[in-house]
C-alpha atoms as a PDB file:
ATOM      1  CA  UNK A   1       0.025   0.006  -0.027  1.00  0.00           C
ATOM      2  CA  UNK A   2       2.316   2.715  -1.125  1.00  0.00           C
ATOM      3  CA  UNK A   3       0.309   5.557  -0.130  1.00  0.00           C
ATOM      4  CA  UNK A   4       1.840   7.110   1.170  1.00  0.00           C
ATOM      5  CA  UNK A   5      -0.536   6.170  -1.484  1.00  0.00           C
ATOM      6  CA  UNK A   6       0.266   9.672  -2.736  1.00  0.00           C
ATOM      7  CA  UNK A   7      -1.469  11.201  -5.687  1.00  0.00           C
ATOM      8  CA  UNK A   8       0.295  14.321  -6.549  1.00  0.00           C
ATOM      9  CA  UNK A   9       0.498  15.116  -2.812  1.00  0.00           C
ATOM     10  CA  UNK A  10      -2.930  13.574  -2.329  1.00  0.00           C
ATOM     11  CA  UNK A  11      -3.276  10.687  -0.072  1.00  0.00           C
ATOM     12  CA  UNK A  12      -5.867   7.859  -1.302  1.00  0.00           C
ATOM     13  CA  UNK A  13      -6.163   5.799   1.830  1.00  0.00           C
ATOM     14  CA  UNK A  14      -7.824   2.454   1.939  1.00  0.00           C
ATOM     15  CA  UNK A  15     -10.299   1.687   4.834  1.00  0.00           C
ATOM     16  CA  UNK A  16     -11.532  -1.396   6.579  1.00  0.00           C
ATOM     17  CA  UNK A  17     -14.551  -1.529   8.933  1.00  0.00           C
ATOM     18  CA  UNK A  18     -14.310  -4.336  11.553  1.00  0.00           C
ATOM     19  CA  UNK A  19     -17.251  -5.881  13.115  1.00  0.00           C
ATOM     20  CA  UNK A  20     -17.635  -9.309  14.702  1.00  0.00           C
ATOM     21  CA  UNK A  21     -14.068 -10.334  13.617  1.00  0.00           C
ATOM     22  CA  UNK A  22     -14.766  -9.481   9.931  1.00  0.00           C
ATOM     23  CA  UNK A  23     -14.367  -6.754   7.535  1.00  0.00           C
ATOM     24  CA  UNK A  24     -17.864  -5.399   6.752  1.00  0.00           C
ATOM     25  CA  UNK A  25     -19.412  -3.391   3.960  1.00  0.00           C
ATOM     26  CA  UNK A  26     -20.499   0.055   5.359  1.00  0.00           C
ATOM     27  CA  UNK A  27     -23.681   1.412   4.111  1.00  0.00           C
ATOM     28  CA  UNK A  28     -25.016   4.814   5.024  1.00  0.00           C
ATOM     29  CA  UNK A  29     -23.793   4.807   8.551  1.00  0.00           C
ATOM     30  CA  UNK A  30     -26.529   2.279   9.568  1.00  0.00           C
ATOM     31  CA  UNK A  31     -24.156  -0.041  11.338  1.00  0.00           C
ATOM     32  CA  UNK A  32     -26.740  -2.655  12.541  1.00  0.00           C
ATOM     33  CA  UNK A  33     -27.293  -3.538   8.948  1.00  0.00           C
ATOM     34  CA  UNK A  34     -23.619  -3.825   7.950  1.00  0.00           C
ATOM     35  CA  UNK A  35     -22.719  -7.380   6.467  1.00  0.00           C
ATOM     36  CA  UNK A  36     -19.438  -9.068   5.692  1.00  0.00           C
ATOM     37  CA  UNK A  37     -17.794  -7.518   2.632  1.00  0.00           C
ATOM     38  CA  UNK A  38     -18.078  -9.086  -0.749  1.00  0.00           C
ATOM     39  CA  UNK A  39     -15.013  -7.932  -2.619  1.00  0.00           C
ATOM     40  CA  UNK A  40     -13.770  -8.315  -6.158  1.00  0.00           C
ATOM     41  CA  UNK A  41     -10.302  -8.211  -4.565  1.00  0.00           C
ATOM     42  CA  UNK A  42     -10.464 -11.263  -2.358  1.00  0.00           C
ATOM     43  CA  UNK A  43     -12.496 -14.423  -1.578  1.00  0.00           C
ATOM     44  CA  UNK A  44     -13.025 -13.712   2.092  1.00  0.00           C
ATOM     45  CA  UNK A  45     -13.969 -10.889   4.576  1.00  0.00           C
ATOM     46  CA  UNK A  46     -11.071 -11.984   6.923  1.00  0.00           C
ATOM     47  CA  UNK A  47      -9.123  -8.832   8.007  1.00  0.00           C
ATOM     48  CA  UNK A  48      -5.778 -10.255   7.034  1.00  0.00           C
ATOM     49  CA  UNK A  49      -6.937 -11.345   3.564  1.00  0.00           C
ATOM     50  CA  UNK A  50      -8.551  -8.111   2.846  1.00  0.00           C
ATOM     51  CA  UNK A  51      -5.542  -5.940   3.902  1.00  0.00           C
ATOM     52  CA  UNK A  52      -3.333  -8.097   1.832  1.00  0.00           C
ATOM     53  CA  UNK A  53      -5.553  -7.713  -1.140  1.00  0.00           C
ATOM     54  CA  UNK A  54      -5.733  -3.964  -0.839  1.00  0.00           C
ATOM     55  CA  UNK A  55      -1.927  -3.811  -0.506  1.00  0.00           C
ATOM     56  CA  UNK A  56      -1.737  -5.206  -4.115  1.00  0.00           C
ATOM     57  CA  UNK A  57      -3.648  -2.347  -5.558  1.00  0.00           C
ATOM     58  CA  UNK A  58      -0.994   0.366  -4.903  1.00  0.00           C
ATOM     59  CA  UNK A  59       2.193   1.070  -6.850  1.00  0.00           C
ATOM     60  CA  UNK A  60       5.266  -0.275  -5.246  1.00  0.00           C
ATOM     61  CA  UNK A  61       7.556   2.594  -5.983  1.00  0.00           C
ATOM     62  CA  UNK A  62       9.232   3.987  -2.892  1.00  0.00           C
ATOM     63  CA  UNK A  63       7.768   7.166  -1.365  1.00  0.00           C
ATOM     64  CA  UNK A  64       9.940   9.765   0.256  1.00  0.00           C
ATOM     65  CA  UNK A  65       7.043  11.142   2.225  1.00  0.00           C
ATOM     66  CA  UNK A  66       6.576   8.006   4.364  1.00  0.00           C
ATOM     67  CA  UNK A  67       5.160   4.445   4.387  1.00  0.00           C
ATOM     68  CA  UNK A  68       1.786   2.972   3.592  1.00  0.00           C
ATOM     69  CA  UNK A  69      -1.360   4.069   5.358  1.00  0.00           C
ATOM     70  CA  UNK A  70      -4.502   2.153   6.308  1.00  0.00           C
ATOM     71  CA  UNK A  71      -7.536   3.480   8.142  1.00  0.00           C
ATOM     72  CA  UNK A  72      -9.330   1.070  10.512  1.00  0.00           C
ATOM     73  CA  UNK A  73     -12.743   1.686  12.176  1.00  0.00           C
ATOM     74  CA  UNK A  74     -13.283  -0.767  15.055  1.00  0.00           C
ATOM     75  CA  UNK A  75     -17.146  -0.582  14.817  1.00  0.00           C
ATOM     76  CA  UNK A  76     -17.551  -2.956  17.885  1.00  0.00           C
ATOM     77  CA  UNK A  77     -15.461  -0.522  19.859  1.00  0.00           C
ATOM     78  CA  UNK A  78     -17.220   2.447  18.628  1.00  0.00           C
ATOM     79  CA  UNK A  79     -20.616   0.914  19.514  1.00  0.00           C
ATOM     80  CA  UNK A  80     -19.259  -0.170  22.988  1.00  0.00           C
ATOM     81  CA  UNK A  81     -19.901  -3.922  22.257  1.00  0.00           C
ATOM     82  CA  UNK A  82     -16.267  -5.176  22.011  1.00  0.00           C
ATOM     83  CA  UNK A  83     -12.943  -4.614  20.617  1.00  0.00           C
ATOM     84  CA  UNK A  84     -10.573  -5.846  17.796  1.00  0.00           C
ATOM     85  CA  UNK A  85      -7.500  -5.278  19.610  1.00  0.00           C
ATOM     86  CA  UNK A  86      -6.205  -8.692  18.753  1.00  0.00           C
ATOM     87  CA  UNK A  87      -7.060  -8.303  15.102  1.00  0.00           C
ATOM     88  CA  UNK A  88      -5.270  -4.974  14.951  1.00  0.00           C
ATOM     89  CA  UNK A  89      -2.238  -6.608  16.725  1.00  0.00           C
ATOM     90  CA  UNK A  90      -2.253  -9.320  14.058  1.00  0.00           C
ATOM     91  CA  UNK A  91      -2.269  -6.814  11.289  1.00  0.00           C
ATOM     92  CA  UNK A  92       0.530  -4.935  12.854  1.00  0.00           C
ATOM     93  CA  UNK A  93       2.548  -8.160  12.941  1.00  0.00           C
ATOM     94  CA  UNK A  94       1.969  -8.914   9.340  1.00  0.00           C
ATOM     95  CA  UNK A  95       2.204  -5.435   8.009  1.00  0.00           C
ATOM     96  CA  UNK A  96       4.917  -3.723  10.213  1.00  0.00           C
ATOM     97  CA  UNK A  97       5.321  -0.824   7.776  1.00  0.00           C
ATOM     98  CA  UNK A  98       1.759   0.311   7.822  1.00  0.00           C
ATOM     99  CA  UNK A  99       0.835   3.589   9.212  1.00  0.00           C
ATOM    100  CA  UNK A 100      -2.435   2.799  10.830  1.00  0.00           C
ATOM    101  CA  UNK A 101      -5.095   5.419  11.602  1.00  0.00           C
ATOM    102  CA  UNK A 102      -7.430   3.845  14.128  1.00  0.00           C
ATOM    103  CA  UNK A 103     -10.962   4.841  15.227  1.00  0.00           C
ATOM    104  CA  UNK A 104     -11.938   2.699  18.200  1.00  0.00           C
ATOM    105  CA  UNK A 105     -14.370   5.034  19.823  1.00  0.00           C
ATOM    106  CA  UNK A 106     -11.554   6.403  22.035  1.00  0.00           C
ATOM    107  CA  UNK A 107     -12.636   9.287  24.252  1.00  0.00           C
ATOM    108  CA  UNK A 108      -9.923   9.387  27.020  1.00  0.00           C
ATOM    109  CA  UNK A 109      -6.392   8.755  27.564  1.00  0.00           C
ATOM    110  CA  UNK A 110      -7.138   5.833  29.712  1.00  0.00           C
ATOM    111  CA  UNK A 111      -8.989   4.084  26.845  1.00  0.00           C
ATOM    112  CA  UNK A 112      -6.156   4.749  24.623  1.00  0.00           C
ATOM    113  CA  UNK A 113      -3.519   2.907  26.627  1.00  0.00           C
ATOM    114  CA  UNK A 114      -4.114  -0.690  25.372  1.00  0.00           C
ATOM    115  CA  UNK A 115      -3.812   0.594  21.699  1.00  0.00           C
ATOM    116  CA  UNK A 116      -0.796   2.885  22.093  1.00  0.00           C
ATOM    117  CA  UNK A 117       1.714   0.006  22.347  1.00  0.00           C
ATOM    118  CA  UNK A 118       0.685  -1.011  18.811  1.00  0.00           C
ATOM    119  CA  UNK A 119       2.125   2.330  17.315  1.00  0.00           C
ATOM    120  CA  UNK A 120      -1.129   3.188  15.680  1.00  0.00           C
ATOM    121  CA  UNK A 121      -2.506   6.883  15.289  1.00  0.00           C
ATOM    122  CA  UNK A 122      -5.523   7.666  17.369  1.00  0.00           C
ATOM    123  CA  UNK A 123      -8.666   8.993  15.394  1.00  0.00           C
ATOM    124  CA  UNK A 124     -10.675  11.005  17.833  1.00  0.00           C
ATOM    125  CA  UNK A 125     -14.292  10.708  16.371  1.00  0.00           C
ATOM    126  CA  UNK A 126     -16.618  13.516  17.367  1.00  0.00           C
ATOM    127  CA  UNK A 127     -19.475  11.118  17.694  1.00  0.00           C
ATOM    128  CA  UNK A 128     -17.762   9.304  20.432  1.00  0.00           C
ATOM    129  CA  UNK A 129     -16.826  12.327  22.479  1.00  0.00           C
ATOM    130  CA  UNK A 130     -19.086  13.335  25.372  1.00  0.00           C
ATOM    131  CA  UNK A 131     -16.941  15.303  27.795  1.00  0.00           C
ATOM    132  CA  UNK A 132     -14.999  18.219  26.261  1.00  0.00           C
ATOM    133  CA  UNK A 133     -12.204  18.549  28.732  1.00  0.00           C
ATOM    134  CA  UNK A 134     -11.428  14.677  28.553  1.00  0.00           C
ATOM    135  CA  UNK A 135     -11.433  15.014  24.682  1.00  0.00           C
ATOM    136  CA  UNK A 136      -9.068  17.970  24.799  1.00  0.00           C
ATOM    137  CA  UNK A 137      -6.773  16.054  27.095  1.00  0.00           C
ATOM    138  CA  UNK A 138      -6.901  13.119  24.721  1.00  0.00           C
ATOM    139  CA  UNK A 139      -5.993  15.448  21.715  1.00  0.00           C
ATOM    140  CA  UNK A 140      -3.172  16.954  23.718  1.00  0.00           C
ATOM    141  CA  UNK A 141      -1.763  13.702  25.178  1.00  0.00           C
ATOM    142  CA  UNK A 142      -1.508  11.397  22.091  1.00  0.00           C
ATOM    143  CA  UNK A 143       1.118  11.620  19.566  1.00  0.00           C
ATOM    144  CA  UNK A 144      -0.099  12.949  16.162  1.00  0.00           C
ATOM    145  CA  UNK A 145      -3.799  12.411  16.684  1.00  0.00           C
ATOM    146  CA  UNK A 146      -6.432  12.787  13.961  1.00  0.00           C
ATOM    147  CA  UNK A 147      -9.868  14.394  14.466  1.00  0.00           C
ATOM    148  CA  UNK A 148     -12.823  12.930  12.625  1.00  0.00           C
ATOM    149  CA  UNK A 149     -15.660  15.425  12.357  1.00  0.00           C
ATOM    150  CA  UNK A 150     -18.535  12.980  12.025  1.00  0.00           C
ATOM    151  CA  UNK A 151     -21.579  14.056  10.005  1.00  0.00           C
ATOM    152  CA  UNK A 152     -24.554  11.828  10.495  1.00  0.00           C
ATOM    153  CA  UNK A 153     -27.940  11.887   8.643  1.00  0.00           C
ATOM    154  CA  UNK A 154     -30.469  14.247  10.149  1.00  0.00           C
ATOM    155  CA  UNK A 155     -34.085  15.019   9.269  1.00  0.00           C
ATOM    156  CA  UNK A 156     -33.128  17.628   6.579  1.00  0.00           C
ATOM    157  CA  UNK A 157     -29.520  16.970   5.861  1.00  0.00           C
ATOM    158  CA  UNK A 158     -26.238  15.602   7.309  1.00  0.00           C
ATOM    159  CA  UNK A 159     -25.390  17.182  10.471  1.00  0.00           C
ATOM    160  CA  UNK A 160     -22.308  17.118  12.633  1.00  0.00           C
ATOM    161  CA  UNK A 161     -22.612  14.748  15.472  1.00  0.00           C
ATOM    162  CA  UNK A 162     -20.715  16.566  18.258  1.00  0.00           C
ATOM    163  CA  UNK A 163     -21.987  15.966  21.776  1.00  0.00           C
ATOM    164  CA  UNK A 164     -18.723  17.336  23.391  1.00  0.00           C
ATOM    165  CA  UNK A 165     -18.929  20.586  21.436  1.00  0.00           C
ATOM    166  CA  UNK A 166     -15.585  20.263  19.637  1.00  0.00           C
ATOM    167  CA  UNK A 167     -16.839  22.380  16.732  1.00  0.00           C
ATOM    168  CA  UNK A 168     -16.630  25.405  19.079  1.00  0.00           C
ATOM    169  CA  UNK A 169     -12.947  24.861  19.707  1.00  0.00           C
ATOM    170  CA  UNK A 170     -11.085  24.988  16.358  1.00  0.00           C
ATOM    171  CA  UNK A 171      -8.082  26.222  18.079  1.00  0.00           C
ATOM    172  CA  UNK A 172      -7.767  22.694  19.803  1.00  0.00           C
ATOM    173  CA  UNK A 173      -8.091  20.849  16.512  1.00  0.00           C
ATOM    174  CA  UNK A 174      -5.058  18.726  15.512  1.00  0.00           C
ATOM    175  CA  UNK A 175      -3.349  19.364  12.164  1.00  0.00           C
ATOM    176  CA  UNK A 176      -5.032  16.345  10.368  1.00  0.00           C
ATOM    177  CA  UNK A 177      -8.808  16.382  10.170  1.00  0.00           C
ATOM    178  CA  UNK A 178     -11.271  13.849   8.707  1.00  0.00           C
ATOM    179  CA  UNK A 179     -14.555  15.103   7.418  1.00  0.00           C
ATOM    180  CA  UNK A 180     -16.527  11.829   7.739  1.00  0.00           C
ATOM    181  CA  UNK A 181     -20.044  11.924   6.183  1.00  0.00           C
ATOM    182  CA  UNK A 182     -21.510   8.711   7.358  1.00  0.00           C
ATOM    183  CA  UNK A 183     -24.650   9.053   5.198  1.00  0.00           C
ATOM    184  CA  UNK A 184     -22.360   8.922   2.161  1.00  0.00           C
ATOM    185  CA  UNK A 185     -20.510   5.838   3.156  1.00  0.00           C
ATOM    186  CA  UNK A 186     -21.105   3.019   0.522  1.00  0.00           C
ATOM    187  CA  UNK A 187     -23.764   5.259  -1.198  1.00  0.00           C
ATOM    188  CA  UNK A 188     -22.189   5.642  -4.737  1.00  0.00           C
ATOM    189  CA  UNK A 189     -23.409   9.193  -4.347  1.00  0.00           C
ATOM    190  CA  UNK A 190     -20.147  11.129  -4.547  1.00  0.00           C
ATOM    191  CA  UNK A 191     -18.236  12.899  -1.712  1.00  0.00           C
ATOM    192  CA  UNK A 192     -19.425  15.702   0.377  1.00  0.00           C
ATOM    193  CA  UNK A 193     -17.808  18.689  -0.813  1.00  0.00           C
ATOM    194  CA  UNK A 194     -20.034  20.926   1.242  1.00  0.00           C
ATOM    195  CA  UNK A 195     -18.863  19.396   4.566  1.00  0.00           C
ATOM    196  CA  UNK A 196     -15.220  19.716   3.276  1.00  0.00           C
ATOM    197  CA  UNK A 197     -15.679  23.484   2.415  1.00  0.00           C
ATOM    198  CA  UNK A 198     -17.409  24.059   5.751  1.00  0.00           C
ATOM    199  CA  UNK A 199     -14.554  22.718   7.719  1.00  0.00           C
ATOM    200  CA  UNK A 200     -12.021  24.380   5.477  1.00  0.00           C
ATOM    201  CA  UNK A 201     -13.465  27.775   6.359  1.00  0.00           C
ATOM    202  CA  UNK A 202     -12.841  27.007  10.092  1.00  0.00           C
ATOM    203  CA  UNK A 203      -9.326  25.255   9.588  1.00  0.00           C
ATOM    204  CA  UNK A 204      -7.880  26.690   6.455  1.00  0.00           C
ATOM    205  CA  UNK A 205      -4.359  25.647   7.293  1.00  0.00           C
ATOM    206  CA  UNK A 206      -5.146  22.145   8.279  1.00  0.00           C
ATOM    207  CA  UNK A 207      -4.771  19.057   6.280  1.00  0.00           C
ATOM    208  CA  UNK A 208      -8.356  17.667   5.519  1.00  0.00           C
ATOM    209  CA  UNK A 209      -9.283  14.169   4.407  1.00  0.00           C
ATOM    210  CA  UNK A 210     -12.601  13.372   3.006  1.00  0.00           C
ATOM    211  CA  UNK A 211     -14.603  10.211   3.843  1.00  0.00           C
ATOM    212  CA  UNK A 212     -17.711   8.756   2.449  1.00  0.00           C
ATOM    213  CA  UNK A 213     -19.115   8.563  -1.133  1.00  0.00           C
ATOM    214  CA  UNK A 214     -16.001   8.442  -3.232  1.00  0.00           C
ATOM    215  CA  UNK A 215     -16.873   6.489  -6.540  1.00  0.00           C
ATOM    216  CA  UNK A 216     -14.060   6.883  -8.814  1.00  0.00           C
ATOM    217  CA  UNK A 217     -10.836   8.743  -9.814  1.00  0.00           C
ATOM    218  CA  UNK A 218     -12.998  11.712 -10.948  1.00  0.00           C
ATOM    219  CA  UNK A 219     -14.120  12.104  -7.318  1.00  0.00           C
ATOM    220  CA  UNK A 220     -10.539  11.995  -6.152  1.00  0.00           C
ATOM    221  CA  UNK A 221      -9.761  14.654  -8.662  1.00  0.00           C
ATOM    222  CA  UNK A 222     -12.522  16.873  -7.477  1.00  0.00           C
ATOM    223  CA  UNK A 223     -11.487  16.481  -3.830  1.00  0.00           C
ATOM    224  CA  UNK A 224      -7.795  17.299  -4.669  1.00  0.00           C
ATOM    225  CA  UNK A 225      -9.073  20.341  -6.657  1.00  0.00           C
ATOM    226  CA  UNK A 226     -11.142  21.436  -3.679  1.00  0.00           C
ATOM    227  CA  UNK A 227      -8.110  21.473  -1.459  1.00  0.00           C
ATOM    228  CA  UNK A 228      -8.442  18.197   0.316  1.00  0.00           C
ATOM    229  CA  UNK A 229      -5.244  16.460   1.439  1.00  0.00           C
ATOM    230  CA  UNK A 230      -6.553  13.175   0.757  1.00  0.00           C
ATOM    231  CA  UNK A 231      -9.610  10.710   0.896  1.00  0.00           C
ATOM    232  CA  UNK A 232     -10.732   7.475   2.521  1.00  0.00           C
ATOM    233  CA  UNK A 233     -11.571   4.749   0.171  1.00  0.00           C
ATOM    234  CA  UNK A 234     -13.512   1.452   0.524  1.00  0.00           C
ATOM    235  CA  UNK A 235     -16.387   0.584  -1.816  1.00  0.00           C
ATOM    236  CA  UNK A 236     -14.798   2.088  -5.040  1.00  0.00           C
ATOM    237  CA  UNK A 237     -11.711  -0.232  -4.517  1.00  0.00           C
ATOM    238  CA  UNK A 238     -13.758  -3.386  -3.680  1.00  0.00           C
ATOM    239  CA  UNK A 239     -16.212  -2.967  -6.500  1.00  0.00           C
ATOM    240  CA  UNK A 240     -13.540  -2.250  -9.097  1.00  0.00           C
ATOM    241  CA  UNK A 241     -14.433   1.281  -9.841  1.00  0.00           C
ATOM    242  CA  UNK A 242     -10.904   2.304  -8.879  1.00  0.00           C
ATOM    243  CA  UNK A 243      -8.404  -0.257 -10.034  1.00  0.00           C
ATOM    244  CA  UNK A 244      -4.685  -0.610  -9.600  1.00  0.00           C
ATOM    245  CA  UNK A 245      -4.196   0.723 -13.066  1.00  0.00           C
ATOM    246  CA  UNK A 246      -6.217   3.802 -12.371  1.00  0.00           C
ATOM    247  CA  UNK A 247      -4.062   4.475  -9.145  1.00  0.00           C
ATOM    248  CA  UNK A 248      -0.937   4.048 -11.032  1.00  0.00           C
ATOM    249  CA  UNK A 249      -1.920   6.331 -13.815  1.00  0.00           C
ATOM    250  CA  UNK A 250      -3.260   8.938 -11.284  1.00  0.00           C
ATOM    251  CA  UNK A 251      -0.140   8.875  -9.101  1.00  0.00           C
ATOM    252  CA  UNK A 252       2.479   8.851 -11.961  1.00  0.00           C
ATOM    253  CA  UNK A 253       0.549  10.707 -14.627  1.00  0.00           C
END
């Protein structure tokens, strides 16, 4: 996964969603309905097999900007129904060069301790935060955290799920921010450029990564042109809309 999977300075980061020990197919943020992934890239939904297949998609040329990157969402941990600590440990053992961005519903430094030894980067999801001071301490206390601003479907439109009130404290946001539009996940409806633009206005000097709805290389181009530093990818890789040849052409021109 040589992402730095970089696309002219743009990171195209593969994603796996973990639930019940398997990689599942995210659809619209309705996690109770997620089912094991059916991918054109491999025959199983086992995390090790899926990550190995994803790694074959990316050009193998060396990157001066860093090693490969993978985003992991531990949906059991986010929902408070379990943890994939052993699974992530196994992935770390088999893919030691991965830079792993992990959202495991972490909301305090104490919760982060079991994961810290794995050398993964903590994704602080706004949907999982309920106490502002604990969240600010978490952002300040972990090395190179990422903030995920989680937009969830509302009655009229996608709305930021922010129970801790992080939106009112942009001065405390880390350098890397994910604009996660859950209603767009697996939707084949295109990325949420509006959410990206809204966050850009509050954090113009930050690196923003769009998540949800990316269909093809044209969407990656649109996000890059809109000023995103990268995008998270899942469905478009598994259904073949973005292929190894597409990525190679896009990366190397």
